[in-house]
Amino acid sequence: MDVIKVATNYCNEKISEYPQLTDQIRGFYDLFRMEIEDDCCNWDNEWELLWQDVKDLIEEHNNEGADTPS
């Protein structure tokens, strides 16, 4: 499977799991697609950046409720 399909499937999966983060995940994906359209970049590196950005976003989202005192 090529990098674009992997990235697309990953983002769609995370959007399904976290619909409230759709806009942010799509923004990261759009940036990924813009970057790989430039032939000068490394696709694998751009995929790693996308994966890390989405992972960090989800972790931040999941920790928001944990920081609130009861």
PDB file of N, CA and C in Angstrom:
ATOM      1  N   MET A   1       0.855  -1.183   0.000  1.00  0.00           N
ATOM      2  CA  MET A   1       0.000   0.000   0.000  1.00  0.00           C
ATOM      3  C   MET A   1       0.896   1.239   0.000  1.00  0.00           C
ATOM      4  N   ASP A   2       0.545   2.189  -0.823  1.00  0.00           N
ATOM      5  CA  ASP A   2       1.410   3.375  -0.883  1.00  0.00           C
ATOM      6  C   ASP A   2       1.118   4.348   0.265  1.00  0.00           C
ATOM      7  N   VAL A   3       2.012   5.284   0.426  1.00  0.00           N
ATOM      8  CA  VAL A   3       1.961   6.212   1.560  1.00  0.00           C
ATOM      9  C   VAL A   3       0.675   7.029   1.568  1.00  0.00           C
ATOM     10  N   ILE A   4       0.207   7.456   0.415  1.00  0.00           N
ATOM     11  CA  ILE A   4      -1.027   8.258   0.361  1.00  0.00           C
ATOM     12  C   ILE A   4      -2.212   7.445   0.868  1.00  0.00           C
ATOM     13  N   LYS A   5      -2.319   6.195   0.447  1.00  0.00           N
ATOM     14  CA  LYS A   5      -3.427   5.349   0.918  1.00  0.00           C
ATOM     15  C   LYS A   5      -3.338   5.103   2.419  1.00  0.00           C
ATOM     16  N   VAL A   6      -2.129   4.856   2.895  1.00  0.00           N
ATOM     17  CA  VAL A   6      -1.932   4.634   4.330  1.00  0.00           C
ATOM     18  C   VAL A   6      -2.363   5.877   5.110  1.00  0.00           C
ATOM     19  N   ALA A   7      -1.915   7.037   4.660  1.00  0.00           N
ATOM     20  CA  ALA A   7      -2.251   8.291   5.348  1.00  0.00           C
ATOM     21  C   ALA A   7      -3.750   8.569   5.285  1.00  0.00           C
ATOM     22  N   THR A   8      -4.354   8.342   4.136  1.00  0.00           N
ATOM     23  CA  THR A   8      -5.791   8.567   3.976  1.00  0.00           C
ATOM     24  C   THR A   8      -6.582   7.651   4.898  1.00  0.00           C
ATOM     25  N   ASN A   9      -6.228   6.369   4.903  1.00  0.00           N
ATOM     26  CA  ASN A   9      -6.929   5.410   5.765  1.00  0.00           C
ATOM     27  C   ASN A   9      -6.754   5.754   7.241  1.00  0.00           C
ATOM     28  N   TYR A  10      -5.551   6.127   7.608  1.00  0.00           N
ATOM     29  CA  TYR A  10      -5.277   6.495   9.000  1.00  0.00           C
ATOM     30  C   TYR A  10      -6.131   7.694   9.425  1.00  0.00           C
ATOM     31  N   CYS A  11      -6.134   8.731   8.600  1.00  0.00           N
ATOM     32  CA  CYS A  11      -6.897   9.935   8.946  1.00  0.00           C
ATOM     33  C   CYS A  11      -8.392   9.647   8.991  1.00  0.00           C
ATOM     34  N   ASN A  12      -8.891   8.872   8.040  1.00  0.00           N
ATOM     35  CA  ASN A  12     -10.310   8.520   8.059  1.00  0.00           C
ATOM     36  C   ASN A  12     -10.681   7.722   9.297  1.00  0.00           C
ATOM     37  N   GLU A  13      -9.806   6.824   9.700  1.00  0.00           N
ATOM     38  CA  GLU A  13     -10.032   6.032  10.915  1.00  0.00           C
ATOM     39  C   GLU A  13     -10.087   6.931  12.148  1.00  0.00           C
ATOM     40  N   LYS A  14      -9.143   7.867  12.243  1.00  0.00           N
ATOM     41  CA  LYS A  14      -9.112   8.751  13.407  1.00  0.00           C
ATOM     42  C   LYS A  14     -10.288   9.725  13.404  1.00  0.00           C
ATOM     43  N   ILE A  15     -10.726  10.156  12.230  1.00  0.00           N
ATOM     44  CA  ILE A  15     -11.914  11.022  12.142  1.00  0.00           C
ATOM     45  C   ILE A  15     -13.144  10.252  12.609  1.00  0.00           C
ATOM     46  N   SER A  16     -13.227   8.968  12.270  1.00  0.00           N
ATOM     47  CA  SER A  16     -14.351   8.144  12.733  1.00  0.00           C
ATOM     48  C   SER A  16     -14.344   8.000  14.250  1.00  0.00           C
ATOM     49  N   GLU A  17     -13.148   7.854  14.818  1.00  0.00           N
ATOM     50  CA  GLU A  17     -13.019   7.700  16.265  1.00  0.00           C
ATOM     51  C   GLU A  17     -13.209   9.017  17.015  1.00  0.00           C
ATOM     52  N   TYR A  18     -12.768  10.119  16.389  1.00  0.00           N
ATOM     53  CA  TYR A  18     -12.798  11.436  17.036  1.00  0.00           C
ATOM     54  C   TYR A  18     -13.422  12.469  16.086  1.00  0.00           C
ATOM     55  N   PRO A  19     -14.737  12.370  15.860  1.00  0.00           N
ATOM     56  CA  PRO A  19     -15.369  13.288  14.895  1.00  0.00           C
ATOM     57  C   PRO A  19     -15.232  14.757  15.282  1.00  0.00           C
ATOM     58  N   GLN A  20     -15.067  15.041  16.559  1.00  0.00           N
ATOM     59  CA  GLN A  20     -14.909  16.421  17.009  1.00  0.00           C
ATOM     60  C   GLN A  20     -13.572  17.015  16.569  1.00  0.00           C
ATOM     61  N   LEU A  21     -12.640  16.179  16.129  1.00  0.00           N
ATOM     62  CA  LEU A  21     -11.326  16.642  15.678  1.00  0.00           C
ATOM     63  C   LEU A  21     -11.205  16.642  14.145  1.00  0.00           C
ATOM     64  N   THR A  22     -12.318  16.471  13.462  1.00  0.00           N
ATOM     65  CA  THR A  22     -12.318  16.351  12.001  1.00  0.00           C
ATOM     66  C   THR A  22     -11.581  17.496  11.320  1.00  0.00           C
ATOM     67  N   ASP A  23     -11.909  18.733  11.678  1.00  0.00           N
ATOM     68  CA  ASP A  23     -11.295  19.884  10.993  1.00  0.00           C
ATOM     69  C   ASP A  23      -9.776  19.909  11.169  1.00  0.00           C
ATOM     70  N   GLN A  24      -9.316  19.637  12.377  1.00  0.00           N
ATOM     71  CA  GLN A  24      -7.877  19.662  12.625  1.00  0.00           C
ATOM     72  C   GLN A  24      -7.169  18.531  11.885  1.00  0.00           C
ATOM     73  N   ILE A  25      -7.750  17.333  11.919  1.00  0.00           N
ATOM     74  CA  ILE A  25      -7.139  16.194  11.227  1.00  0.00           C
ATOM     75  C   ILE A  25      -7.114  16.442   9.724  1.00  0.00           C
ATOM     76  N   ARG A  26      -8.202  16.957   9.179  1.00  0.00           N
ATOM     77  CA  ARG A  26      -8.225  17.273   7.746  1.00  0.00           C
ATOM     78  C   ARG A  26      -7.195  18.341   7.394  1.00  0.00           C
ATOM     79  N   GLY A  27      -6.997  19.292   8.291  1.00  0.00           N
ATOM     80  CA  GLY A  27      -5.986  20.321   8.061  1.00  0.00           C
ATOM     81  C   GLY A  27      -4.594  19.722   7.989  1.00  0.00           C
ATOM     82  N   PHE A  28      -4.281  18.799   8.896  1.00  0.00           N
ATOM     83  CA  PHE A  28      -2.985  18.115   8.860  1.00  0.00           C
ATOM     84  C   PHE A  28      -2.846  17.299   7.576  1.00  0.00           C
ATOM     85  N   TYR A  29      -3.934  16.630   7.182  1.00  0.00           N
ATOM     86  CA  TYR A  29      -3.903  15.815   5.963  1.00  0.00           C
ATOM     87  C   TYR A  29      -3.710  16.698   4.726  1.00  0.00           C
ATOM     88  N   ASP A  30      -4.404  17.818   4.684  1.00  0.00           N
ATOM     89  CA  ASP A  30      -4.241  18.743   3.548  1.00  0.00           C
ATOM     90  C   ASP A  30      -2.800  19.239   3.442  1.00  0.00           C
ATOM     91  N   LEU A  31      -2.189  19.541   4.581  1.00  0.00           N
ATOM     92  CA  LEU A  31      -0.794  19.967   4.585  1.00  0.00           C
ATOM     93  C   LEU A  31       0.111  18.844   4.064  1.00  0.00           C
ATOM     94  N   PHE A  32      -0.138  17.629   4.513  1.00  0.00           N
ATOM     95  CA  PHE A  32       0.597  16.459   4.024  1.00  0.00           C
ATOM     96  C   PHE A  32       0.503  16.359   2.504  1.00  0.00           C
ATOM     97  N   ARG A  33      -0.708  16.477   1.970  1.00  0.00           N
ATOM     98  CA  ARG A  33      -0.895  16.364   0.516  1.00  0.00           C
ATOM     99  C   ARG A  33      -0.186  17.493  -0.226  1.00  0.00           C
ATOM    100  N   MET A  34      -0.239  18.695   0.304  1.00  0.00           N
ATOM    101  CA  MET A  34       0.460  19.816  -0.342  1.00  0.00           C
ATOM    102  C   MET A  34       1.967  19.573  -0.357  1.00  0.00           C
ATOM    103  N   GLU A  35       2.486  19.084   0.756  1.00  0.00           N
ATOM    104  CA  GLU A  35       3.930  18.854   0.855  1.00  0.00           C
ATOM    105  C   GLU A  35       4.398  17.753  -0.097  1.00  0.00           C
ATOM    106  N   ILE A  36       3.624  16.674  -0.231  1.00  0.00           N
ATOM    107  CA  ILE A  36       4.083  15.586  -1.097  1.00  0.00           C
ATOM    108  C   ILE A  36       3.895  15.905  -2.573  1.00  0.00           C
ATOM    109  N   GLU A  37       3.086  16.912  -2.883  1.00  0.00           N
ATOM    110  CA  GLU A  37       2.966  17.336  -4.276  1.00  0.00           C
ATOM    111  C   GLU A  37       4.262  17.980  -4.762  1.00  0.00           C
ATOM    112  N   ASP A  38       5.049  18.520  -3.836  1.00  0.00           N
ATOM    113  CA  ASP A  38       6.373  19.033  -4.181  1.00  0.00           C
ATOM    114  C   ASP A  38       7.311  17.828  -4.296  1.00  0.00           C
ATOM    115  N   ASP A  39       7.924  17.686  -5.422  1.00  0.00           N
ATOM    116  CA  ASP A  39       8.786  16.529  -5.644  1.00  0.00           C
ATOM    117  C   ASP A  39      10.061  16.563  -4.804  1.00  0.00           C
ATOM    118  N   CYS A  40      10.306  17.648  -4.119  1.00  0.00           N
ATOM    119  CA  CYS A  40      11.559  17.775  -3.367  1.00  0.00           C
ATOM    120  C   CYS A  40      11.489  17.168  -1.966  1.00  0.00           C
ATOM    121  N   CYS A  41      10.324  16.764  -1.519  1.00  0.00           N
ATOM    122  CA  CYS A  41      10.227  16.269  -0.138  1.00  0.00           C
ATOM    123  C   CYS A  41      10.215  14.742  -0.088  1.00  0.00           C
ATOM    124  N   ASN A  42      10.501  14.224   1.075  1.00  0.00           N
ATOM    125  CA  ASN A  42      10.494  12.795   1.326  1.00  0.00           C
ATOM    126  C   ASN A  42       9.103  12.389   1.812  1.00  0.00           C
ATOM    127  N   TRP A  43       8.442  11.539   1.043  1.00  0.00           N
ATOM    128  CA  TRP A  43       7.067  11.143   1.380  1.00  0.00           C
ATOM    129  C   TRP A  43       6.981  10.448   2.724  1.00  0.00           C
ATOM    130  N   ASP A  44       7.931   9.571   3.015  1.00  0.00           N
ATOM    131  CA  ASP A  44       7.908   8.863   4.297  1.00  0.00           C
ATOM    132  C   ASP A  44       8.050   9.828   5.466  1.00  0.00           C
ATOM    133  N   ASN A  45       8.895  10.830   5.303  1.00  0.00           N
ATOM    134  CA  ASN A  45       9.067  11.832   6.345  1.00  0.00           C
ATOM    135  C   ASN A  45       7.774  12.624   6.549  1.00  0.00           C
ATOM    136  N   GLU A  46       7.125  12.990   5.462  1.00  0.00           N
ATOM    137  CA  GLU A  46       5.870  13.741   5.566  1.00  0.00           C
ATOM    138  C   GLU A  46       4.786  12.901   6.227  1.00  0.00           C
ATOM    139  N   TRP A  47       4.760  11.598   5.948  1.00  0.00           N
ATOM    140  CA  TRP A  47       3.802  10.696   6.582  1.00  0.00           C
ATOM    141  C   TRP A  47       4.071  10.632   8.086  1.00  0.00           C
ATOM    142  N   GLU A  48       5.331  10.541   8.471  1.00  0.00           N
ATOM    143  CA  GLU A  48       5.678  10.514   9.897  1.00  0.00           C
ATOM    144  C   GLU A  48       5.250  11.797  10.593  1.00  0.00           C
ATOM    145  N   LEU A  49       5.424  12.931   9.938  1.00  0.00           N
ATOM    146  CA  LEU A  49       4.993  14.208  10.512  1.00  0.00           C
ATOM    147  C   LEU A  49       3.476  14.246  10.684  1.00  0.00           C
ATOM    148  N   LEU A  50       2.751  13.791   9.675  1.00  0.00           N
ATOM    149  CA  LEU A  50       1.284  13.737   9.763  1.00  0.00           C
ATOM    150  C   LEU A  50       0.853  12.839  10.908  1.00  0.00           C
ATOM    151  N   TRP A  51       1.440  11.638  10.971  1.00  0.00           N
ATOM    152  CA  TRP A  51       1.079  10.683  12.016  1.00  0.00           C
ATOM    153  C   TRP A  51       1.324  11.283  13.403  1.00  0.00           C
ATOM    154  N   GLN A  52       2.471  11.923  13.581  1.00  0.00           N
ATOM    155  CA  GLN A  52       2.810  12.513  14.875  1.00  0.00           C
ATOM    156  C   GLN A  52       1.878  13.666  15.225  1.00  0.00           C
ATOM    157  N   ASP A  53       1.548  14.511  14.247  1.00  0.00           N
ATOM    158  CA  ASP A  53       0.638  15.635  14.497  1.00  0.00           C
ATOM    159  C   ASP A  53      -0.735  15.142  14.941  1.00  0.00           C
ATOM    160  N   VAL A  54      -1.255  14.127  14.261  1.00  0.00           N
ATOM    161  CA  VAL A  54      -2.576  13.590  14.614  1.00  0.00           C
ATOM    162  C   VAL A  54      -2.505  12.907  15.976  1.00  0.00           C
ATOM    163  N   LYS A  55      -1.460  12.154  16.217  1.00  0.00           N
ATOM    164  CA  LYS A  55      -1.281  11.479  17.510  1.00  0.00           C
ATOM    165  C   LYS A  55      -1.238  12.502  18.643  1.00  0.00           C
ATOM    166  N   ASP A  56      -0.454  13.563  18.472  1.00  0.00           N
ATOM    167  CA  ASP A  56      -0.351  14.608  19.500  1.00  0.00           C
ATOM    168  C   ASP A  56      -1.693  15.304  19.720  1.00  0.00           C
ATOM    169  N   LEU A  57      -2.411  15.575  18.647  1.00  0.00           N
ATOM    170  CA  LEU A  57      -3.729  16.204  18.746  1.00  0.00           C
ATOM    171  C   LEU A  57      -4.678  15.341  19.571  1.00  0.00           C
ATOM    172  N   ILE A  58      -4.699  14.048  19.294  1.00  0.00           N
ATOM    173  CA  ILE A  58      -5.588  13.136  20.018  1.00  0.00           C
ATOM    174  C   ILE A  58      -5.181  13.031  21.482  1.00  0.00           C
ATOM    175  N   GLU A  59      -3.886  12.942  21.748  1.00  0.00           N
ATOM    176  CA  GLU A  59      -3.426  12.887  23.144  1.00  0.00           C
ATOM    177  C   GLU A  59      -3.810  14.160  23.892  1.00  0.00           C
ATOM    178  N   GLU A  60      -3.628  15.296  23.250  1.00  0.00           N
ATOM    179  CA  GLU A  60      -4.013  16.565  23.875  1.00  0.00           C
ATOM    180  C   GLU A  60      -5.511  16.601  24.147  1.00  0.00           C
ATOM    181  N   HIS A  61      -6.285  16.154  23.190  1.00  0.00           N
ATOM    182  CA  HIS A  61      -7.746  16.114  23.340  1.00  0.00           C
ATOM    183  C   HIS A  61      -8.145  15.184  24.503  1.00  0.00           C
ATOM    184  N   ASN A  62      -7.529  14.025  24.573  1.00  0.00           N
ATOM    185  CA  ASN A  62      -7.851  13.063  25.620  1.00  0.00           C
ATOM    186  C   ASN A  62      -7.427  13.552  27.007  1.00  0.00           C
ATOM    187  N   ASN A  63      -6.393  14.380  27.068  1.00  0.00           N
ATOM    188  CA  ASN A  63      -5.894  14.884  28.357  1.00  0.00           C
ATOM    189  C   ASN A  63      -6.623  16.123  28.838  1.00  0.00           C
ATOM    190  N   GLU A  64      -7.405  16.752  27.970  1.00  0.00           N
ATOM    191  CA  GLU A  64      -8.118  17.971  28.367  1.00  0.00           C
ATOM    192  C   GLU A  64      -9.054  17.725  29.538  1.00  0.00           C
ATOM    193  N   GLY A  65      -9.790  16.642  29.492  1.00  0.00           N
ATOM    194  CA  GLY A  65     -10.722  16.320  30.571  1.00  0.00           C
ATOM    195  C   GLY A  65     -10.023  15.876  31.839  1.00  0.00           C
ATOM    196  N   ALA A  66      -8.836  15.293  31.709  1.00  0.00           N
ATOM    197  CA  ALA A  66      -8.096  14.783  32.865  1.00  0.00           C
ATOM    198  C   ALA A  66      -7.517  15.915  33.711  1.00  0.00           C
ATOM    199  N   ASP A  67      -7.314  17.080  33.110  1.00  0.00           N
ATOM    200  CA  ASP A  67      -6.727  18.203  33.840  1.00  0.00           C
ATOM    201  C   ASP A  67      -7.755  18.992  34.650  1.00  0.00           C
ATOM    202  N   THR A  68      -9.013  18.709  34.432  1.00  0.00           N
ATOM    203  CA  THR A  68     -10.074  19.442  35.109  1.00  0.00           C
ATOM    204  C   THR A  68     -10.333  18.829  36.488  1.00  0.00           C
ATOM    205  N   PRO A  69     -10.219  19.610  37.549  1.00  0.00           N
ATOM    206  CA  PRO A  69     -10.484  19.066  38.893  1.00  0.00           C
ATOM    207  C   PRO A  69     -11.969  18.750  39.064  1.00  0.00           C
ATOM    208  N   SER A  70     -12.248  17.731  39.840  1.00  0.00           N
ATOM    209  CA  SER A  70     -13.647  17.326  40.084  1.00  0.00           C
ATOM    210  C   SER A  70     -14.279  18.133  41.182  1.00  0.00           C
TER     211      SER A  70
END
